[in-house]
């Protein structure tokens, strides 16, 4: 029988020898169920305008460069944060307020 999503995560079921085989089977089940939705959404996405953040004007806790990263890594993290913010802002209606829950510590 074909593995279901739940069965694919149970070690030793359906002859899986490695966890990677289990993960691949689970991904195939999920992709079969949701792949067309993901593809449809991806084709309608537009790239937001690049977001230029003034890091000096923001609270230090928001700046990845304030941590213990070297300058090159901090620059890449700043770019990641700015990119994610650009997409989030692009999706929000005017006047929206966003509250972030559960990100823990760190940036992205």
N, C-alpha and C. Protein backbone atom coordinates (compact mmCIF):
# COMPACT_ATOMS: atom_id res chain seq x y z
N UNK A 1 0.82 -1.20 0.00
CA UNK A 1 0.00 0.00 0.00
C UNK A 1 0.86 1.26 0.00
N UNK A 2 0.35 2.30 -0.61
CA UNK A 2 1.07 3.59 -0.64
C UNK A 2 1.08 4.20 0.75
N UNK A 3 2.21 4.80 1.15
CA UNK A 3 2.26 5.41 2.49
C UNK A 3 1.40 6.66 2.56
N UNK A 4 0.75 6.84 3.70
CA UNK A 4 0.02 8.08 3.93
C UNK A 4 0.97 9.04 4.62
N UNK A 5 0.52 10.28 4.82
CA UNK A 5 1.37 11.27 5.45
C UNK A 5 1.80 10.82 6.84
N UNK A 6 0.88 10.28 7.61
CA UNK A 6 1.21 9.84 8.97
C UNK A 6 2.14 8.63 8.94
N UNK A 7 1.85 7.66 8.07
CA UNK A 7 2.65 6.45 8.04
C UNK A 7 4.08 6.70 7.59
N UNK A 8 4.29 7.69 6.76
CA UNK A 8 5.62 7.96 6.24
C UNK A 8 6.57 8.45 7.32
N UNK A 9 6.04 8.92 8.44
CA UNK A 9 6.91 9.42 9.51
C UNK A 9 7.19 8.37 10.58
N UNK A 10 6.64 7.16 10.44
CA UNK A 10 6.85 6.12 11.44
C UNK A 10 8.06 5.28 11.01
N UNK A 11 9.13 5.25 11.84
CA UNK A 11 10.33 4.49 11.47
C UNK A 11 10.00 3.02 11.20
N UNK A 12 10.61 2.49 10.16
CA UNK A 12 10.47 1.08 9.86
C UNK A 12 9.24 0.68 9.08
N UNK A 13 8.35 1.59 8.83
CA UNK A 13 7.13 1.25 8.10
C UNK A 13 7.40 1.31 6.60
N UNK A 14 6.77 0.46 5.84
CA UNK A 14 6.82 0.44 4.39
C UNK A 14 8.23 0.27 3.84
N UNK A 15 9.11 -0.36 4.61
CA UNK A 15 10.43 -0.69 4.10
C UNK A 15 11.41 0.46 3.99
N UNK A 16 11.17 1.58 4.64
CA UNK A 16 12.12 2.68 4.60
C UNK A 16 13.39 2.25 5.33
N UNK A 17 14.52 2.45 4.69
CA UNK A 17 15.78 2.11 5.34
C UNK A 17 16.41 3.32 6.01
N UNK A 18 16.12 4.49 5.51
CA UNK A 18 16.73 5.71 6.03
C UNK A 18 15.67 6.77 6.29
N UNK A 19 15.99 7.65 7.22
CA UNK A 19 15.06 8.76 7.50
C UNK A 19 14.88 9.63 6.26
N UNK A 20 15.92 9.76 5.45
CA UNK A 20 15.79 10.57 4.24
C UNK A 20 14.73 9.99 3.30
N UNK A 21 14.61 8.66 3.27
CA UNK A 21 13.56 8.04 2.46
C UNK A 21 12.18 8.35 3.03
N UNK A 22 12.09 8.36 4.36
CA UNK A 22 10.81 8.69 5.00
C UNK A 22 10.43 10.14 4.71
N UNK A 23 11.41 11.04 4.84
CA UNK A 23 11.13 12.46 4.56
C UNK A 23 10.70 12.65 3.12
N UNK A 24 11.40 11.98 2.20
CA UNK A 24 11.06 12.12 0.78
C UNK A 24 9.64 11.63 0.51
N UNK A 25 9.27 10.50 1.11
CA UNK A 25 7.91 9.98 0.93
C UNK A 25 6.87 10.94 1.49
N UNK A 26 7.15 11.51 2.66
CA UNK A 26 6.22 12.47 3.26
C UNK A 26 6.09 13.71 2.39
N UNK A 27 7.22 14.20 1.88
CA UNK A 27 7.18 15.37 0.99
C UNK A 27 6.37 15.09 -0.27
N UNK A 28 6.52 13.91 -0.81
CA UNK A 28 5.77 13.56 -2.03
C UNK A 28 4.27 13.53 -1.76
N UNK A 29 3.88 13.03 -0.59
CA UNK A 29 2.45 13.01 -0.23
C UNK A 29 1.92 14.43 -0.09
N UNK A 30 2.68 15.27 0.63
CA UNK A 30 2.26 16.66 0.83
C UNK A 30 2.22 17.40 -0.50
N UNK A 31 3.25 17.24 -1.33
CA UNK A 31 3.30 17.95 -2.61
C UNK A 31 2.15 17.51 -3.52
N UNK A 32 1.80 16.22 -3.49
CA UNK A 32 0.69 15.74 -4.31
C UNK A 32 -0.61 16.42 -3.89
N UNK A 33 -0.76 16.68 -2.60
CA UNK A 33 -1.99 17.30 -2.11
C UNK A 33 -2.00 18.81 -2.28
N UNK A 34 -0.84 19.46 -2.14
CA UNK A 34 -0.82 20.93 -2.11
C UNK A 34 -0.01 21.57 -3.22
N UNK A 35 0.67 20.80 -4.02
CA UNK A 35 1.57 21.36 -5.03
C UNK A 35 0.91 22.34 -5.99
N UNK A 36 -0.30 22.02 -6.45
CA UNK A 36 -0.96 22.92 -7.40
C UNK A 36 -1.30 24.26 -6.75
N UNK A 37 -1.63 24.24 -5.46
CA UNK A 37 -1.92 25.50 -4.77
C UNK A 37 -0.66 26.35 -4.64
N UNK A 38 0.45 25.71 -4.33
CA UNK A 38 1.72 26.44 -4.20
C UNK A 38 2.12 27.02 -5.55
N UNK A 39 2.03 26.23 -6.58
CA UNK A 39 2.40 26.70 -7.93
C UNK A 39 1.52 27.88 -8.36
N UNK A 40 0.22 27.79 -8.09
CA UNK A 40 -0.69 28.87 -8.47
C UNK A 40 -0.35 30.15 -7.73
N UNK A 41 -0.02 30.04 -6.46
CA UNK A 41 0.34 31.21 -5.66
C UNK A 41 1.67 31.79 -6.12
N UNK A 42 2.62 30.93 -6.42
CA UNK A 42 3.95 31.39 -6.83
C UNK A 42 3.91 32.13 -8.16
N UNK A 43 3.03 31.74 -9.05
CA UNK A 43 2.98 32.40 -10.35
C UNK A 43 2.32 33.77 -10.28
N UNK A 44 1.56 34.04 -9.21
CA UNK A 44 0.90 35.33 -9.10
C UNK A 44 1.69 36.32 -8.24
N UNK A 45 2.78 35.86 -7.64
CA UNK A 45 3.59 36.73 -6.78
C UNK A 45 4.35 37.77 -7.61
N UNK A 46 4.44 38.95 -7.05
CA UNK A 46 5.27 39.99 -7.66
C UNK A 46 6.37 40.35 -6.69
N UNK A 47 7.48 40.79 -7.22
CA UNK A 47 8.58 41.19 -6.36
C UNK A 47 8.32 42.58 -5.81
N UNK A 48 8.44 42.74 -4.49
CA UNK A 48 8.26 44.08 -3.93
C UNK A 48 9.48 44.95 -4.23
N UNK A 49 9.29 46.23 -4.12
CA UNK A 49 10.42 47.15 -4.29
C UNK A 49 11.41 46.91 -3.16
N UNK A 50 12.69 47.04 -3.46
CA UNK A 50 13.69 46.86 -2.39
C UNK A 50 13.42 47.85 -1.25
N UNK A 51 13.65 47.39 -0.04
CA UNK A 51 13.41 48.21 1.15
C UNK A 51 14.75 48.67 1.70
N UNK A 52 14.94 49.97 1.74
CA UNK A 52 16.16 50.54 2.31
C UNK A 52 15.89 50.91 3.76
N UNK A 53 16.45 50.14 4.67
CA UNK A 53 16.26 50.41 6.09
C UNK A 53 17.39 51.28 6.60
N UNK A 54 17.04 52.28 7.37
CA UNK A 54 18.04 53.12 8.03
C UNK A 54 18.34 52.46 9.37
N UNK A 55 19.31 51.57 9.39
CA UNK A 55 19.61 50.79 10.57
C UNK A 55 20.00 51.66 11.76
N UNK A 56 20.61 52.79 11.48
CA UNK A 56 21.05 53.68 12.57
C UNK A 56 19.84 54.31 13.28
N UNK A 57 18.72 54.44 12.58
CA UNK A 57 17.53 55.07 13.16
C UNK A 57 16.65 54.06 13.92
N UNK A 58 16.92 52.78 13.74
CA UNK A 58 16.13 51.73 14.39
C UNK A 58 16.71 51.38 15.76
N UNK A 59 15.88 50.85 16.65
CA UNK A 59 16.43 50.40 17.94
C UNK A 59 17.53 49.35 17.71
N UNK A 60 18.60 49.42 18.47
CA UNK A 60 19.72 48.48 18.27
C UNK A 60 19.32 47.01 18.31
N UNK A 61 18.31 46.67 19.08
CA UNK A 61 17.89 45.26 19.19
C UNK A 61 17.36 44.72 17.86
N UNK A 62 16.96 45.58 16.94
CA UNK A 62 16.46 45.14 15.64
C UNK A 62 17.56 44.92 14.62
N UNK A 63 18.75 45.37 14.92
CA UNK A 63 19.86 45.33 13.96
C UNK A 63 20.70 44.08 14.16
N UNK A 64 20.77 43.20 13.15
CA UNK A 64 21.60 42.01 13.26
C UNK A 64 23.08 42.33 13.51
N UNK A 65 23.52 43.49 13.09
CA UNK A 65 24.93 43.87 13.26
C UNK A 65 25.27 44.13 14.72
N UNK A 66 24.28 44.28 15.58
CA UNK A 66 24.53 44.53 17.00
C UNK A 66 24.91 43.26 17.75
N UNK A 67 24.76 42.12 17.11
CA UNK A 67 25.10 40.85 17.76
C UNK A 67 26.57 40.54 17.62
N UNK A 68 26.91 39.28 17.70
CA UNK A 68 28.30 38.86 17.64
C UNK A 68 28.67 38.32 16.26
N UNK A 69 28.08 38.88 15.22
CA UNK A 69 28.38 38.44 13.86
C UNK A 69 29.51 39.28 13.28
N UNK A 70 30.31 38.64 12.41
CA UNK A 70 31.31 39.45 11.72
C UNK A 70 30.61 40.36 10.73
N UNK A 71 31.29 41.38 10.26
CA UNK A 71 30.64 42.42 9.45
C UNK A 71 30.05 41.87 8.15
N UNK A 72 30.70 40.90 7.54
CA UNK A 72 30.17 40.33 6.30
C UNK A 72 28.86 39.57 6.56
N UNK A 73 28.85 38.75 7.60
CA UNK A 73 27.64 38.00 7.95
C UNK A 73 26.53 38.95 8.39
N UNK A 74 26.87 39.97 9.16
CA UNK A 74 25.87 40.95 9.60
C UNK A 74 25.24 41.65 8.41
N UNK A 75 26.04 41.96 7.40
CA UNK A 75 25.50 42.59 6.19
C UNK A 75 24.51 41.70 5.47
N UNK A 76 24.82 40.40 5.41
CA UNK A 76 23.89 39.45 4.77
C UNK A 76 22.61 39.32 5.59
N UNK A 77 22.74 39.32 6.92
CA UNK A 77 21.56 39.23 7.77
C UNK A 77 20.70 40.48 7.63
N UNK A 78 21.34 41.64 7.53
CA UNK A 78 20.58 42.87 7.30
C UNK A 78 19.79 42.76 6.00
N UNK A 79 20.41 42.22 4.98
CA UNK A 79 19.73 42.05 3.68
C UNK A 79 18.55 41.10 3.80
N UNK A 80 18.72 40.01 4.57
CA UNK A 80 17.62 39.07 4.77
C UNK A 80 16.45 39.74 5.46
N UNK A 81 16.73 40.49 6.52
CA UNK A 81 15.68 41.16 7.27
C UNK A 81 14.96 42.17 6.38
N UNK A 82 15.72 42.96 5.62
CA UNK A 82 15.12 43.96 4.73
C UNK A 82 14.26 43.29 3.65
N UNK A 83 14.72 42.17 3.12
CA UNK A 83 13.96 41.45 2.10
C UNK A 83 12.65 40.92 2.66
N UNK A 84 12.71 40.29 3.83
CA UNK A 84 11.50 39.77 4.45
C UNK A 84 10.54 40.90 4.79
N UNK A 85 11.07 42.01 5.29
CA UNK A 85 10.21 43.16 5.62
C UNK A 85 9.54 43.72 4.37
N UNK A 86 10.27 43.76 3.26
CA UNK A 86 9.70 44.27 2.01
C UNK A 86 8.51 43.42 1.58
N UNK A 87 8.63 42.09 1.66
CA UNK A 87 7.52 41.22 1.29
C UNK A 87 6.35 41.39 2.26
N UNK A 88 6.64 41.48 3.56
CA UNK A 88 5.58 41.63 4.55
C UNK A 88 4.82 42.94 4.33
N UNK A 89 5.56 44.03 4.12
CA UNK A 89 4.93 45.33 3.90
C UNK A 89 4.10 45.33 2.63
N UNK A 90 4.60 44.65 1.60
CA UNK A 90 3.88 44.56 0.33
C UNK A 90 2.53 43.85 0.49
N UNK A 91 2.45 42.89 1.42
CA UNK A 91 1.21 42.13 1.61
C UNK A 91 0.23 42.80 2.55
N UNK A 92 0.67 43.76 3.34
CA UNK A 92 -0.20 44.38 4.34
C UNK A 92 -1.07 45.47 3.74
N UNK A 93 -2.33 45.52 4.14
CA UNK A 93 -3.16 46.65 3.70
C UNK A 93 -2.72 47.92 4.43
N UNK A 94 -3.02 49.07 3.85
CA UNK A 94 -2.67 50.34 4.49
C UNK A 94 -3.25 50.40 5.90
N UNK A 95 -2.45 50.89 6.82
CA UNK A 95 -2.89 51.05 8.19
C UNK A 95 -2.83 49.79 9.04
N UNK A 96 -2.36 48.68 8.46
CA UNK A 96 -2.29 47.42 9.21
C UNK A 96 -1.24 47.51 10.30
N UNK A 97 -1.51 46.80 11.39
CA UNK A 97 -0.53 46.67 12.46
C UNK A 97 -0.14 45.20 12.54
N UNK A 98 1.13 44.96 12.71
CA UNK A 98 1.63 43.59 12.75
C UNK A 98 2.24 43.33 14.12
N UNK A 99 1.86 42.21 14.69
CA UNK A 99 2.44 41.77 15.95
C UNK A 99 3.10 40.43 15.68
N UNK A 100 4.37 40.35 16.00
CA UNK A 100 5.12 39.12 15.78
C UNK A 100 5.14 38.32 17.07
N UNK A 101 4.79 37.04 16.96
CA UNK A 101 4.78 36.15 18.13
C UNK A 101 5.74 34.99 17.89
N UNK A 102 6.49 34.64 18.89
CA UNK A 102 7.22 33.38 18.88
C UNK A 102 8.46 33.29 18.03
N UNK A 103 9.10 34.38 17.67
CA UNK A 103 10.30 34.29 16.86
C UNK A 103 11.51 33.88 17.70
N UNK A 104 11.41 33.99 18.98
CA UNK A 104 12.54 33.62 19.82
C UNK A 104 13.62 34.68 19.72
N UNK A 105 14.85 34.24 19.74
CA UNK A 105 15.95 35.19 19.66
C UNK A 105 16.61 35.08 18.30
N UNK A 106 17.30 36.10 17.91
CA UNK A 106 17.99 36.08 16.63
C UNK A 106 17.17 36.73 15.54
N UNK A 107 17.79 36.81 14.40
CA UNK A 107 17.16 37.43 13.23
C UNK A 107 17.02 36.37 12.15
N UNK A 108 15.78 36.06 11.79
CA UNK A 108 15.48 35.07 10.77
C UNK A 108 16.12 33.75 11.10
